[in-house]
């Protein structure tokens, strides 16, 4: 399978941009422009959310 953006030589990144940490999941990524990243994650996306609170002792 070929990435359509790669096939058209569009400047993009295959990693996930995490803007709140100014980082990308692709170590070789040097341009953190959101327009280059079709995938973006927030802290809420990265942190586990409890489905229920622990029972009181």
C-alpha atoms as a PDB file:
ATOM      1  CA  UNK A   1       0.000   0.000   0.000  1.00  0.00           C
ATOM      2  CA  UNK A   2       1.335   3.419  -0.923  1.00  0.00           C
ATOM      3  CA  UNK A   3       0.655   6.539   1.084  1.00  0.00           C
ATOM      4  CA  UNK A   4      -1.290   8.934  -1.170  1.00  0.00           C
ATOM      5  CA  UNK A   5       0.637  11.907   0.218  1.00  0.00           C
ATOM      6  CA  UNK A   6       3.949  10.186  -0.541  1.00  0.00           C
ATOM      7  CA  UNK A   7       2.739   9.295  -4.035  1.00  0.00           C
ATOM      8  CA  UNK A   8       2.075  12.978  -4.783  1.00  0.00           C
ATOM      9  CA  UNK A   9       5.278  14.162  -3.039  1.00  0.00           C
ATOM     10  CA  UNK A  10       3.257  16.174  -0.506  1.00  0.00           C
ATOM     11  CA  UNK A  11       5.363  17.379   2.441  1.00  0.00           C
ATOM     12  CA  UNK A  12       3.924  15.481   5.419  1.00  0.00           C
ATOM     13  CA  UNK A  13       4.776  13.299   8.398  1.00  0.00           C
ATOM     14  CA  UNK A  14       3.507   9.819   9.257  1.00  0.00           C
ATOM     15  CA  UNK A  15       3.888  10.427  12.989  1.00  0.00           C
ATOM     16  CA  UNK A  16       1.428  11.810  15.510  1.00  0.00           C
ATOM     17  CA  UNK A  17       1.876  15.407  16.585  1.00  0.00           C
ATOM     18  CA  UNK A  18       1.558  16.122  20.309  1.00  0.00           C
ATOM     19  CA  UNK A  19       1.372  19.930  20.348  1.00  0.00           C
ATOM     20  CA  UNK A  20       1.241  20.342  24.123  1.00  0.00           C
ATOM     21  CA  UNK A  21       4.661  18.654  24.341  1.00  0.00           C
ATOM     22  CA  UNK A  22       6.042  20.144  21.107  1.00  0.00           C
ATOM     23  CA  UNK A  23       6.915  16.694  19.841  1.00  0.00           C
ATOM     24  CA  UNK A  24       6.088  14.111  17.213  1.00  0.00           C
ATOM     25  CA  UNK A  25       6.124  10.320  17.546  1.00  0.00           C
ATOM     26  CA  UNK A  26       8.471  10.078  14.560  1.00  0.00           C
ATOM     27  CA  UNK A  27      11.986  10.715  15.918  1.00  0.00           C
ATOM     28  CA  UNK A  28      13.275  12.057  12.599  1.00  0.00           C
ATOM     29  CA  UNK A  29      10.503  14.690  12.349  1.00  0.00           C
ATOM     30  CA  UNK A  30      11.942  18.193  12.521  1.00  0.00           C
ATOM     31  CA  UNK A  31       8.965  20.293  11.367  1.00  0.00           C
ATOM     32  CA  UNK A  32       6.154  20.389  13.930  1.00  0.00           C
ATOM     33  CA  UNK A  33       3.760  22.315  11.705  1.00  0.00           C
ATOM     34  CA  UNK A  34       0.253  20.911  12.349  1.00  0.00           C
ATOM     35  CA  UNK A  35      -0.458  21.077   8.602  1.00  0.00           C
ATOM     36  CA  UNK A  36       2.155  18.324   8.058  1.00  0.00           C
ATOM     37  CA  UNK A  37       0.546  15.971  10.581  1.00  0.00           C
ATOM     38  CA  UNK A  38      -2.807  14.380   9.764  1.00  0.00           C
ATOM     39  CA  UNK A  39      -2.751  12.822  13.253  1.00  0.00           C
ATOM     40  CA  UNK A  40      -2.722  15.009  16.357  1.00  0.00           C
ATOM     41  CA  UNK A  41      -3.078  13.896  19.964  1.00  0.00           C
ATOM     42  CA  UNK A  42      -3.923  15.896  23.068  1.00  0.00           C
ATOM     43  CA  UNK A  43      -2.995  15.028  26.635  1.00  0.00           C
ATOM     44  CA  UNK A  44      -6.534  13.700  27.104  1.00  0.00           C
ATOM     45  CA  UNK A  45      -5.931  11.283  24.226  1.00  0.00           C
ATOM     46  CA  UNK A  46      -2.734  10.016  25.831  1.00  0.00           C
ATOM     47  CA  UNK A  47      -3.755   9.663  29.469  1.00  0.00           C
ATOM     48  CA  UNK A  48      -5.850   6.718  30.565  1.00  0.00           C
ATOM     49  CA  UNK A  49      -9.258   7.652  31.910  1.00  0.00           C
ATOM     50  CA  UNK A  50     -10.629   5.539  34.751  1.00  0.00           C
ATOM     51  CA  UNK A  51     -13.918   3.900  33.872  1.00  0.00           C
ATOM     52  CA  UNK A  52     -14.955   3.850  37.516  1.00  0.00           C
ATOM     53  CA  UNK A  53     -13.692   5.127  40.823  1.00  0.00           C
ATOM     54  CA  UNK A  54     -12.199   2.659  43.307  1.00  0.00           C
ATOM     55  CA  UNK A  55     -14.563   1.432  45.995  1.00  0.00           C
ATOM     56  CA  UNK A  56     -14.264   3.122  49.378  1.00  0.00           C
ATOM     57  CA  UNK A  57     -12.604   1.024  52.083  1.00  0.00           C
END
